[in-house]
C-alpha atoms as a PDB file:
ATOM      1  CA  UNK A   1      68.015 101.039 124.810  1.00  0.00           C
ATOM      2  CA  UNK A   2      70.411  98.561 126.450  1.00  0.00           C
ATOM      3  CA  UNK A   3      67.692  95.907 126.368  1.00  0.00           C
ATOM      4  CA  UNK A   4      67.267  96.340 122.605  1.00  0.00           C
ATOM      5  CA  UNK A   5      71.029  96.162 122.044  1.00  0.00           C
ATOM      6  CA  UNK A   6      71.209  92.886 123.959  1.00  0.00           C
ATOM      7  CA  UNK A   7      68.316  91.523 121.901  1.00  0.00           C
ATOM      8  CA  UNK A   8      70.191  92.362 118.683  1.00  0.00           C
ATOM      9  CA  UNK A   9      73.407  90.836 120.028  1.00  0.00           C
ATOM     10  CA  UNK A  10      71.600  87.624 121.051  1.00  0.00           C
ATOM     11  CA  UNK A  11      69.884  87.415 117.690  1.00  0.00           C
ATOM     12  CA  UNK A  12      73.188  87.766 115.791  1.00  0.00           C
ATOM     13  CA  UNK A  13      74.856  85.080 117.920  1.00  0.00           C
ATOM     14  CA  UNK A  14      71.938  82.685 117.419  1.00  0.00           C
ATOM     15  CA  UNK A  15      71.896  83.211 113.655  1.00  0.00           C
ATOM     16  CA  UNK A  16      75.602  82.350 113.537  1.00  0.00           C
ATOM     17  CA  UNK A  17      75.051  79.147 115.507  1.00  0.00           C
ATOM     18  CA  UNK A  18      72.034  78.216 113.388  1.00  0.00           C
ATOM     19  CA  UNK A  19      74.224  78.354 110.281  1.00  0.00           C
ATOM     20  CA  UNK A  20      76.734  76.015 111.910  1.00  0.00           C
ATOM     21  CA  UNK A  21      73.928  73.656 112.921  1.00  0.00           C
ATOM     22  CA  UNK A  22      72.530  73.519 109.409  1.00  0.00           C
ATOM     23  CA  UNK A  23      75.954  72.882 107.875  1.00  0.00           C
ATOM     24  CA  UNK A  24      76.747  70.090 110.331  1.00  0.00           C
ATOM     25  CA  UNK A  25      73.343  68.482 109.866  1.00  0.00           C
ATOM     26  CA  UNK A  26      73.682  68.464 106.106  1.00  0.00           C
ATOM     27  CA  UNK A  27      77.136  66.892 106.298  1.00  0.00           C
ATOM     28  CA  UNK A  28      76.379  64.268 108.946  1.00  0.00           C
ATOM     29  CA  UNK A  29      72.709  63.340 108.639  1.00  0.00           C
ATOM     30  CA  UNK A  30      73.561  60.445 106.337  1.00  0.00           C
ATOM     31  CA  UNK A  31      75.447  58.806 109.237  1.00  0.00           C
ATOM     32  CA  UNK A  32      72.188  58.459 111.139  1.00  0.00           C
ATOM     33  CA  UNK A  33      70.249  57.389 108.064  1.00  0.00           C
ATOM     34  CA  UNK A  34      72.599  54.540 107.216  1.00  0.00           C
ATOM     35  CA  UNK A  35      72.932  53.122 110.714  1.00  0.00           C
ATOM     36  CA  UNK A  36      71.033  49.790 110.825  1.00  0.00           C
ATOM     37  CA  UNK A  37      70.437  49.945 114.569  1.00  0.00           C
ATOM     38  CA  UNK A  38      68.133  52.955 114.646  1.00  0.00           C
ATOM     39  CA  UNK A  39      64.887  52.196 116.448  1.00  0.00           C
ATOM     40  CA  UNK A  40      62.004  54.632 116.747  1.00  0.00           C
ATOM     41  CA  UNK A  41      59.988  54.571 119.933  1.00  0.00           C
ATOM     42  CA  UNK A  42      57.511  56.710 121.821  1.00  0.00           C
ATOM     43  CA  UNK A  43      58.984  59.359 124.112  1.00  0.00           C
ATOM     44  CA  UNK A  44      57.161  61.630 126.521  1.00  0.00           C
ATOM     45  CA  UNK A  45      56.641  65.211 125.306  1.00  0.00           C
ATOM     46  CA  UNK A  46      58.436  64.680 122.017  1.00  0.00           C
ATOM     47  CA  UNK A  47      56.261  62.278 120.033  1.00  0.00           C
ATOM     48  CA  UNK A  48      59.135  60.177 118.698  1.00  0.00           C
ATOM     49  CA  UNK A  49      62.641  59.617 119.958  1.00  0.00           C
ATOM     50  CA  UNK A  50      65.683  57.601 118.960  1.00  0.00           C
ATOM     51  CA  UNK A  51      67.537  54.766 120.584  1.00  0.00           C
ATOM     52  CA  UNK A  52      70.852  54.338 118.859  1.00  0.00           C
ATOM     53  CA  UNK A  53      73.411  51.557 119.066  1.00  0.00           C
ATOM     54  CA  UNK A  54      76.699  52.426 120.749  1.00  0.00           C
ATOM     55  CA  UNK A  55      78.246  52.811 117.283  1.00  0.00           C
ATOM     56  CA  UNK A  56      76.594  56.242 117.265  1.00  0.00           C
ATOM     57  CA  UNK A  57      76.310  58.366 120.387  1.00  0.00           C
ATOM     58  CA  UNK A  58      73.231  60.513 119.836  1.00  0.00           C
ATOM     59  CA  UNK A  59      74.218  62.927 122.615  1.00  0.00           C
ATOM     60  CA  UNK A  60      77.527  63.590 120.891  1.00  0.00           C
ATOM     61  CA  UNK A  61      75.558  64.257 117.737  1.00  0.00           C
ATOM     62  CA  UNK A  62      73.486  66.918 119.480  1.00  0.00           C
ATOM     63  CA  UNK A  63      76.575  68.464 121.048  1.00  0.00           C
ATOM     64  CA  UNK A  64      78.309  68.578 117.693  1.00  0.00           C
ATOM     65  CA  UNK A  65      75.258  70.444 116.389  1.00  0.00           C
ATOM     66  CA  UNK A  66      75.987  73.244 118.859  1.00  0.00           C
ATOM     67  CA  UNK A  67      72.818  72.582 120.848  1.00  0.00           C
ATOM     68  CA  UNK A  68      74.664  73.541 124.020  1.00  0.00           C
ATOM     69  CA  UNK A  69      76.310  76.533 122.396  1.00  0.00           C
ATOM     70  CA  UNK A  70      72.870  77.934 121.548  1.00  0.00           C
ATOM     71  CA  UNK A  71      71.587  77.347 125.065  1.00  0.00           C
ATOM     72  CA  UNK A  72      74.670  79.015 126.541  1.00  0.00           C
ATOM     73  CA  UNK A  73      74.212  82.063 124.300  1.00  0.00           C
ATOM     74  CA  UNK A  74      70.665  82.544 125.551  1.00  0.00           C
ATOM     75  CA  UNK A  75      71.540  81.874 129.195  1.00  0.00           C
ATOM     76  CA  UNK A  76      74.535  84.231 129.234  1.00  0.00           C
ATOM     77  CA  UNK A  77      72.586  87.128 127.749  1.00  0.00           C
ATOM     78  CA  UNK A  78      69.525  86.246 129.823  1.00  0.00           C
ATOM     79  CA  UNK A  79      71.622  86.593 133.001  1.00  0.00           C
ATOM     80  CA  UNK A  80      73.001  89.937 131.847  1.00  0.00           C
ATOM     81  CA  UNK A  81      69.512  91.368 131.284  1.00  0.00           C
ATOM     82  CA  UNK A  82      68.164  89.925 134.539  1.00  0.00           C
ATOM     83  CA  UNK A  83      70.911  91.809 136.384  1.00  0.00           C
ATOM     84  CA  UNK A  84      70.020  95.008 134.515  1.00  0.00           C
ATOM     85  CA  UNK A  85      66.322  94.589 135.238  1.00  0.00           C
ATOM     86  CA  UNK A  86      67.053  93.930 138.898  1.00  0.00           C
ATOM     87  CA  UNK A  87      69.264  97.025 139.136  1.00  0.00           C
ATOM     88  CA  UNK A  88      66.664  99.259 137.471  1.00  0.00           C
ATOM     89  CA  UNK A  89      63.820  98.043 139.708  1.00  0.00           C
ATOM     90  CA  UNK A  90      65.981  98.272 142.836  1.00  0.00           C
ATOM     91  CA  UNK A  91      66.525 101.973 142.132  1.00  0.00           C
ATOM     92  CA  UNK A  92      62.763 102.533 141.781  1.00  0.00           C
ATOM     93  CA  UNK A  93      62.018 100.940 145.159  1.00  0.00           C
ATOM     94  CA  UNK A  94      65.308 101.849 146.823  1.00  0.00           C
ATOM     95  CA  UNK A  95      63.782 103.856 149.695  1.00  0.00           C
ATOM     96  CA  UNK A  96      61.361 101.063 150.566  1.00  0.00           C
ATOM     97  CA  UNK A  97      64.112  98.450 150.320  1.00  0.00           C
ATOM     98  CA  UNK A  98      66.545 100.416 152.470  1.00  0.00           C
ATOM     99  CA  UNK A  99      63.837 101.025 155.084  1.00  0.00           C
ATOM    100  CA  UNK A 100      63.367  97.267 155.334  1.00  0.00           C
ATOM    101  CA  UNK A 101      67.120  96.575 155.415  1.00  0.00           C
ATOM    102  CA  UNK A 102      67.121  94.827 152.053  1.00  0.00           C
ATOM    103  CA  UNK A 103      70.586  94.882 150.483  1.00  0.00           C
ATOM    104  CA  UNK A 104      71.289  95.102 146.765  1.00  0.00           C
ATOM    105  CA  UNK A 105      72.034  91.541 145.657  1.00  0.00           C
ATOM    106  CA  UNK A 106      72.223  90.454 142.013  1.00  0.00           C
ATOM    107  CA  UNK A 107      72.595  86.852 143.170  1.00  0.00           C
ATOM    108  CA  UNK A 108      69.378  86.825 145.184  1.00  0.00           C
ATOM    109  CA  UNK A 109      67.677  83.462 145.387  1.00  0.00           C
ATOM    110  CA  UNK A 110      64.708  84.331 143.179  1.00  0.00           C
ATOM    111  CA  UNK A 111      66.809  85.175 140.142  1.00  0.00           C
ATOM    112  CA  UNK A 112      69.206  82.286 140.792  1.00  0.00           C
ATOM    113  CA  UNK A 113      66.414  79.722 141.193  1.00  0.00           C
ATOM    114  CA  UNK A 114      64.718  80.898 138.018  1.00  0.00           C
ATOM    115  CA  UNK A 115      68.000  80.778 136.111  1.00  0.00           C
ATOM    116  CA  UNK A 116      68.675  77.205 137.205  1.00  0.00           C
ATOM    117  CA  UNK A 117      65.174  76.071 136.230  1.00  0.00           C
ATOM    118  CA  UNK A 118      65.568  77.781 132.870  1.00  0.00           C
ATOM    119  CA  UNK A 119      68.806  75.951 132.154  1.00  0.00           C
ATOM    120  CA  UNK A 120      67.058  72.643 132.854  1.00  0.00           C
ATOM    121  CA  UNK A 121      64.128  73.609 130.629  1.00  0.00           C
ATOM    122  CA  UNK A 122      66.274  74.641 127.665  1.00  0.00           C
ATOM    123  CA  UNK A 123      68.117  71.320 127.675  1.00  0.00           C
ATOM    124  CA  UNK A 124      64.950  69.258 128.127  1.00  0.00           C
ATOM    125  CA  UNK A 125      62.603  67.682 125.610  1.00  0.00           C
ATOM    126  CA  UNK A 126      59.603  69.672 126.818  1.00  0.00           C
ATOM    127  CA  UNK A 127      57.436  71.376 124.245  1.00  0.00           C
ATOM    128  CA  UNK A 128      58.620  74.906 123.343  1.00  0.00           C
ATOM    129  CA  UNK A 129      62.142  74.415 124.696  1.00  0.00           C
ATOM    130  CA  UNK A 130      64.836  75.506 122.262  1.00  0.00           C
ATOM    131  CA  UNK A 131      66.423  72.071 122.006  1.00  0.00           C
ATOM    132  CA  UNK A 132      63.175  70.111 121.736  1.00  0.00           C
ATOM    133  CA  UNK A 133      62.057  72.086 118.702  1.00  0.00           C
ATOM    134  CA  UNK A 134      65.297  71.345 116.868  1.00  0.00           C
ATOM    135  CA  UNK A 135      65.346  67.688 117.857  1.00  0.00           C
ATOM    136  CA  UNK A 136      61.728  67.152 116.888  1.00  0.00           C
ATOM    137  CA  UNK A 137      62.345  68.403 113.342  1.00  0.00           C
ATOM    138  CA  UNK A 138      65.427  66.225 112.885  1.00  0.00           C
ATOM    139  CA  UNK A 139      63.688  63.142 114.258  1.00  0.00           C
ATOM    140  CA  UNK A 140      60.744  63.815 111.954  1.00  0.00           C
ATOM    141  CA  UNK A 141      63.139  63.789 108.987  1.00  0.00           C
ATOM    142  CA  UNK A 142      64.658  60.517 110.183  1.00  0.00           C
ATOM    143  CA  UNK A 143      61.269  58.905 110.653  1.00  0.00           C
ATOM    144  CA  UNK A 144      60.059  59.965 107.196  1.00  0.00           C
ATOM    145  CA  UNK A 145      63.252  58.706 105.574  1.00  0.00           C
ATOM    146  CA  UNK A 146      62.959  55.316 107.253  1.00  0.00           C
ATOM    147  CA  UNK A 147      59.267  54.935 106.394  1.00  0.00           C
ATOM    148  CA  UNK A 148      59.383  56.197 102.794  1.00  0.00           C
ATOM    149  CA  UNK A 149      62.973  55.350 101.800  1.00  0.00           C
ATOM    150  CA  UNK A 150      63.585  58.813 100.381  1.00  0.00           C
ATOM    151  CA  UNK A 151      66.831  59.254  98.486  1.00  0.00           C
ATOM    152  CA  UNK A 152      69.717  61.134 100.145  1.00  0.00           C
ATOM    153  CA  UNK A 153      69.111  63.917  97.628  1.00  0.00           C
ATOM    154  CA  UNK A 154      65.467  64.270  98.727  1.00  0.00           C
ATOM    155  CA  UNK A 155      66.501  64.335 102.374  1.00  0.00           C
ATOM    156  CA  UNK A 156      69.143  66.945 101.621  1.00  0.00           C
ATOM    157  CA  UNK A 157      66.491  69.220 100.105  1.00  0.00           C
ATOM    158  CA  UNK A 158      64.380  68.887 103.235  1.00  0.00           C
ATOM    159  CA  UNK A 159      67.354  69.728 105.422  1.00  0.00           C
ATOM    160  CA  UNK A 160      67.996  72.865 103.408  1.00  0.00           C
ATOM    161  CA  UNK A 161      64.321  73.751 103.783  1.00  0.00           C
ATOM    162  CA  UNK A 162      64.874  73.878 107.560  1.00  0.00           C
ATOM    163  CA  UNK A 163      66.629  77.173 106.868  1.00  0.00           C
ATOM    164  CA  UNK A 164      63.132  78.644 106.583  1.00  0.00           C
ATOM    165  CA  UNK A 165      61.975  77.556 110.041  1.00  0.00           C
ATOM    166  CA  UNK A 166      64.174  76.179 112.823  1.00  0.00           C
ATOM    167  CA  UNK A 167      67.361  77.767 111.475  1.00  0.00           C
ATOM    168  CA  UNK A 168      65.669  80.911 110.162  1.00  0.00           C
ATOM    169  CA  UNK A 169      66.642  84.476 111.153  1.00  0.00           C
ATOM    170  CA  UNK A 170      63.019  84.991 112.221  1.00  0.00           C
ATOM    171  CA  UNK A 171      63.363  82.215 114.827  1.00  0.00           C
ATOM    172  CA  UNK A 172      66.596  83.763 116.123  1.00  0.00           C
ATOM    173  CA  UNK A 173      64.778  87.090 116.432  1.00  0.00           C
ATOM    174  CA  UNK A 174      61.803  85.501 118.205  1.00  0.00           C
ATOM    175  CA  UNK A 175      63.998  83.677 120.744  1.00  0.00           C
ATOM    176  CA  UNK A 176      66.167  86.739 121.394  1.00  0.00           C
ATOM    177  CA  UNK A 177      63.252  89.130 121.835  1.00  0.00           C
ATOM    178  CA  UNK A 178      61.224  86.856 124.090  1.00  0.00           C
ATOM    179  CA  UNK A 179      64.050  85.609 126.306  1.00  0.00           C
ATOM    180  CA  UNK A 180      65.687  88.986 126.890  1.00  0.00           C
ATOM    181  CA  UNK A 181      62.332  90.555 127.765  1.00  0.00           C
ATOM    182  CA  UNK A 182      61.530  87.636 130.074  1.00  0.00           C
ATOM    183  CA  UNK A 183      64.906  88.132 131.764  1.00  0.00           C
ATOM    184  CA  UNK A 184      64.075  91.775 132.375  1.00  0.00           C
ATOM    185  CA  UNK A 185      60.745  90.830 133.975  1.00  0.00           C
ATOM    186  CA  UNK A 186      62.425  88.222 136.191  1.00  0.00           C
ATOM    187  CA  UNK A 187      64.904  90.864 137.385  1.00  0.00           C
ATOM    188  CA  UNK A 188      62.039  93.203 138.291  1.00  0.00           C
ATOM    189  CA  UNK A 189      60.157  90.450 140.072  1.00  0.00           C
ATOM    190  CA  UNK A 190      63.208  89.419 142.097  1.00  0.00           C
ATOM    191  CA  UNK A 191      63.320  92.876 143.705  1.00  0.00           C
ATOM    192  CA  UNK A 192      59.696  92.920 144.813  1.00  0.00           C
ATOM    193  CA  UNK A 193      59.971  89.345 146.067  1.00  0.00           C
ATOM    194  CA  UNK A 194      62.666  90.591 148.447  1.00  0.00           C
ATOM    195  CA  UNK A 195      60.228  93.247 149.668  1.00  0.00           C
ATOM    196  CA  UNK A 196      57.640  90.532 150.200  1.00  0.00           C
ATOM    197  CA  UNK A 197      60.157  88.580 152.290  1.00  0.00           C
ATOM    198  CA  UNK A 198      60.277  91.547 154.663  1.00  0.00           C
ATOM    199  CA  UNK A 199      56.487  91.394 155.097  1.00  0.00           C
ATOM    200  CA  UNK A 200      55.779  94.262 152.727  1.00  0.00           C
ATOM    201  CA  UNK A 201      52.407  94.007 151.012  1.00  0.00           C
ATOM    202  CA  UNK A 202      53.056  93.929 147.264  1.00  0.00           C
ATOM    203  CA  UNK A 203      50.529  93.671 144.454  1.00  0.00           C
ATOM    204  CA  UNK A 204      50.914  93.426 140.698  1.00  0.00           C
ATOM    205  CA  UNK A 205      48.998  94.233 137.541  1.00  0.00           C
ATOM    206  CA  UNK A 206      49.238  92.834 134.004  1.00  0.00           C
ATOM    207  CA  UNK A 207      49.662  95.372 131.212  1.00  0.00           C
ATOM    208  CA  UNK A 208      49.187  94.775 127.485  1.00  0.00           C
ATOM    209  CA  UNK A 209      50.147  97.139 124.650  1.00  0.00           C
ATOM    210  CA  UNK A 210      46.421  97.518 123.920  1.00  0.00           C
ATOM    211  CA  UNK A 211      46.464  96.988 120.176  1.00  0.00           C
ATOM    212  CA  UNK A 212      44.600  94.610 117.868  1.00  0.00           C
ATOM    213  CA  UNK A 213      47.329  91.959 118.060  1.00  0.00           C
ATOM    214  CA  UNK A 214      46.918  91.328 121.785  1.00  0.00           C
ATOM    215  CA  UNK A 215      45.670  87.844 122.675  1.00  0.00           C
ATOM    216  CA  UNK A 216      42.167  87.887 124.261  1.00  0.00           C
ATOM    217  CA  UNK A 217      43.475  85.933 127.259  1.00  0.00           C
ATOM    218  CA  UNK A 218      46.148  88.590 127.842  1.00  0.00           C
ATOM    219  CA  UNK A 219      43.508  91.321 127.815  1.00  0.00           C
ATOM    220  CA  UNK A 220      41.608  89.235 130.344  1.00  0.00           C
ATOM    221  CA  UNK A 221      44.760  89.036 132.480  1.00  0.00           C
ATOM    222  CA  UNK A 222      44.811  92.826 132.412  1.00  0.00           C
ATOM    223  CA  UNK A 223      41.183  92.837 133.535  1.00  0.00           C
ATOM    224  CA  UNK A 224      42.260  91.054 136.734  1.00  0.00           C
ATOM    225  CA  UNK A 225      43.501  94.503 137.795  1.00  0.00           C
ATOM    226  CA  UNK A 226      45.664  94.453 140.960  1.00  0.00           C
ATOM    227  CA  UNK A 227      46.296  90.996 142.449  1.00  0.00           C
ATOM    228  CA  UNK A 228      48.637  89.592 145.110  1.00  0.00           C
ATOM    229  CA  UNK A 229      52.293  89.312 144.126  1.00  0.00           C
ATOM    230  CA  UNK A 230      52.360  85.512 144.164  1.00  0.00           C
ATOM    231  CA  UNK A 231      48.915  84.950 142.659  1.00  0.00           C
ATOM    232  CA  UNK A 232      48.609  83.676 139.106  1.00  0.00           C
ATOM    233  CA  UNK A 233      46.878  85.752 136.479  1.00  0.00           C
ATOM    234  CA  UNK A 234      43.530  84.104 135.990  1.00  0.00           C
ATOM    235  CA  UNK A 235      43.411  83.632 132.216  1.00  0.00           C
ATOM    236  CA  UNK A 236      46.901  82.382 131.318  1.00  0.00           C
ATOM    237  CA  UNK A 237      48.071  81.083 134.693  1.00  0.00           C
ATOM    238  CA  UNK A 238      51.336  83.045 134.528  1.00  0.00           C
ATOM    239  CA  UNK A 239      53.035  84.651 137.519  1.00  0.00           C
ATOM    240  CA  UNK A 240      54.848  87.238 135.396  1.00  0.00           C
ATOM    241  CA  UNK A 241      54.894  88.350 131.772  1.00  0.00           C
ATOM    242  CA  UNK A 242      55.494  87.516 128.981  1.00  0.00           C
ATOM    243  CA  UNK A 243      52.780  84.863 128.834  1.00  0.00           C
ATOM    244  CA  UNK A 244      53.757  81.265 128.180  1.00  0.00           C
ATOM    245  CA  UNK A 245      50.869  80.656 125.776  1.00  0.00           C
ATOM    246  CA  UNK A 246      52.256  83.003 123.110  1.00  0.00           C
ATOM    247  CA  UNK A 247      55.974  83.235 122.250  1.00  0.00           C
ATOM    248  CA  UNK A 248      55.344  86.692 120.756  1.00  0.00           C
ATOM    249  CA  UNK A 249      53.761  88.150 123.908  1.00  0.00           C
ATOM    250  CA  UNK A 250      54.648  91.828 124.437  1.00  0.00           C
ATOM    251  CA  UNK A 251      53.002  92.244 127.838  1.00  0.00           C
ATOM    252  CA  UNK A 252      54.599  93.404 131.063  1.00  0.00           C
ATOM    253  CA  UNK A 253      53.777  93.434 134.775  1.00  0.00           C
ATOM    254  CA  UNK A 254      53.806  96.499 137.030  1.00  0.00           C
ATOM    255  CA  UNK A 255      54.054  96.477 140.842  1.00  0.00           C
ATOM    256  CA  UNK A 256      52.710  98.483 143.760  1.00  0.00           C
ATOM    257  CA  UNK A 257      53.671  98.521 147.451  1.00  0.00           C
ATOM    258  CA  UNK A 258      50.759  99.075 149.826  1.00  0.00           C
END
């Protein structure tokens, strides 16, 4: 129940920031369009990128678009759910943990390391990161405008159309649902990793919801049955759920101490 509430809270916060992003973009996009020093060039993982003369600081443009606000919303709520997941799993394995002298520690290195890597990912230009998706759409609009000389009115219509994809409520829901569930799984995993550190033998198993929407590769992960804690599931290559090859993955991982 708490997990669902945090999903709804995250979704509402993202939708609010998306509206601010769209408004800012509509009001300031013309600044980028009219700058004579814009040069398009290839950039790794993004397809096209921008080099802008010092008259326009592109990083300030992204900051003004609340890129960092959106990332901070996800990270803050992600941390809250990781702590909850850790606490819930610690209670399940409490006897085993106490027997091995493992103390309750929300700031254990597994959760902290994952959090730090996530922050780097969200602010990167890697495919599927929150910021890269937004940037790629905006750069695509810039590129089209430069190549076709669309009128400001035509560009404005395309910006408004972004309300149906990158600024859409459905995207806010997708991000919130996936990231909060992922946080929960990371919290669970952090507990059993501490057991592993004390030489406990831990194994894991992938579980799908077993309906007709499940990806074939996720069903195949489930067919791996029990595998070692730090082994990758054979069909998607993930260590924990949800799978990285489907942003709508609803799978989970269960654990067993031998």
